[in-house]
Protein backbone atom coordinates (compact mmCIF):
# COMPACT_ATOMS: atom_id res chain seq x y z
CA MET A 1 40.23 156.86 118.20
CA LYS A 2 38.19 154.45 120.27
CA ASP A 3 36.73 152.67 117.22
CA PHE A 4 40.04 152.32 115.39
CA PHE A 5 42.65 152.13 118.13
CA GLN A 6 41.02 150.76 121.26
CA ASP A 7 38.27 148.57 119.78
CA ASN A 8 40.05 147.71 116.49
CA ARG A 9 36.69 147.79 114.72
CA LEU A 10 38.10 148.07 111.19
CA VAL A 11 40.05 144.84 111.42
CA ASN A 12 37.30 143.10 113.39
CA ASP A 13 34.64 144.02 110.78
CA THR A 14 32.52 145.87 113.34
CA LEU A 15 33.13 149.43 112.09
CA GLN A 16 30.26 151.49 110.74
CA LEU A 17 30.51 154.83 108.93
CA GLY A 18 27.35 156.78 108.26
CA GLY A 19 25.33 153.83 109.53
CA ARG A 20 26.85 151.48 106.95
CA PRO A 21 29.20 148.59 107.76
CA VAL A 22 32.80 148.83 106.60
CA ARG A 23 34.32 145.49 105.60
CA LEU A 24 37.94 145.09 104.56
CA ALA A 25 36.93 142.11 102.41
CA ASP A 26 34.86 144.50 100.26
CA ILE A 27 38.05 146.29 99.15
CA THR A 28 39.05 144.76 95.83
CA ALA A 29 41.24 147.55 94.44
CA PRO A 30 45.01 146.97 94.22
CA VAL A 31 46.69 147.96 97.50
CA LEU A 32 50.26 149.07 98.10
CA ASN A 33 50.97 149.11 101.84
CA VAL A 34 54.05 151.26 102.58
CA PHE A 35 55.20 151.32 106.20
CA ALA A 36 58.25 152.08 108.33
CA THR A 37 59.90 149.20 110.18
CA GLU A 38 60.87 151.37 113.17
CA ASP A 39 57.61 153.31 113.47
CA HIS A 40 56.68 153.70 117.14
CA LEU A 41 53.29 155.35 116.42
CA VAL A 42 52.06 152.95 113.73
CA PRO A 43 54.03 149.76 114.32
CA PRO A 44 54.59 147.40 111.38
CA SER A 45 52.24 144.85 112.94
CA ALA A 46 49.40 147.39 112.68
CA SER A 47 50.14 147.99 108.99
CA LYS A 48 50.65 144.33 108.18
CA ALA A 49 47.24 143.54 109.69
CA LEU A 50 45.76 144.32 106.25
CA ARG A 51 47.48 141.30 104.70
CA GLY A 52 44.97 138.56 103.98
CA ARG A 53 41.97 140.65 105.02
CA LEU A 54 41.27 142.51 101.78
CA GLY A 55 38.97 141.17 99.08
CA GLY A 56 41.38 141.69 96.18
CA GLY A 57 44.36 139.53 95.34
CA ASP A 58 46.66 142.42 94.41
CA TYR A 59 48.33 143.34 97.71
CA THR A 60 51.96 144.40 98.05
CA GLU A 61 53.93 145.53 101.10
CA VAL A 62 56.95 147.84 101.02
CA ALA A 63 58.83 148.04 104.30
CA PHE A 64 61.05 151.11 104.70
CA GLU A 65 63.82 150.81 107.26
CA GLY A 66 63.14 153.91 109.29
CA GLY A 67 60.70 155.62 111.60
CA HIS A 68 57.36 157.41 111.51
CA ILE A 69 58.70 160.76 110.30
CA GLY A 70 61.75 159.42 108.47
CA ILE A 71 59.65 157.57 105.92
CA TYR A 72 58.40 160.94 104.68
CA VAL A 73 61.27 163.38 105.10
CA SER A 74 64.62 161.58 105.17
CA ALA A 75 66.95 161.69 102.19
CA ARG A 76 67.07 157.89 102.17
CA SER A 77 63.29 157.63 102.03
CA GLN A 78 63.22 160.05 99.09
CA ARG A 79 65.65 157.76 97.26
CA GLN A 80 63.75 154.56 98.11
CA VAL A 81 60.02 155.12 98.65
CA PRO A 82 58.97 157.09 95.52
CA PRO A 83 60.83 154.69 93.19
CA ALA A 84 59.21 151.71 94.94
CA ILE A 85 55.78 153.27 94.44
CA GLY A 86 56.59 154.07 90.82
CA GLU A 87 57.77 150.53 90.17
CA TRP A 88 54.59 149.12 91.74
CA LEU A 89 52.52 151.32 89.44
CA ARG A 90 54.60 150.49 86.35
CA ARG A 91 54.92 146.76 87.01
CA ALA A 92 51.30 145.76 87.07
CA ARG A 93 49.08 148.74 86.50
CA THR A 94 50.07 149.98 83.06
CA PRO A 95 47.65 149.81 80.15
CA ALA A 96 48.02 146.82 77.88
CA PRO A 97 49.21 148.18 74.49
CA ALA A 98 46.76 146.36 72.20
CA THR A 99 43.50 146.78 74.12
CA GLY A 100 44.06 149.78 76.35
CA LYS A 101 42.78 147.67 79.25
CA ARG A 102 44.63 147.70 82.52
CA ARG A 103 46.72 144.72 83.46
CA LEU A 104 46.36 143.90 87.12
CA SER A 105 48.85 141.65 88.78
CA ARG A 106 47.49 138.87 90.99
CA GLU A 107 50.84 138.79 92.76
CA THR A 108 50.77 139.04 96.52
CA ARG A 109 53.89 139.92 98.42
CA GLY A 110 54.26 139.44 102.12
């Protein structure tokens, strides 16, 4: 808790795991950041802190209007969040028909 919450070592590039440095800029995989706009435990500003810090260009945010628990269990979240994730996967991460290679979007949403 001290490293992540109090000292913010992940975002400040001072975190080490197993004696090795952890750098957000080293993450180049596509990232979908889903967060709740009314979350009092993980506020949106904490989730949005990833934007611009990752090494890859494929970063998308999905903001769900609800709270920490509601994003997982509410009926509205079940209607909105899984389809948003599915669309993110379909839109830019489906195999290209001719080559079988993956198409990765360079789109960044904020």
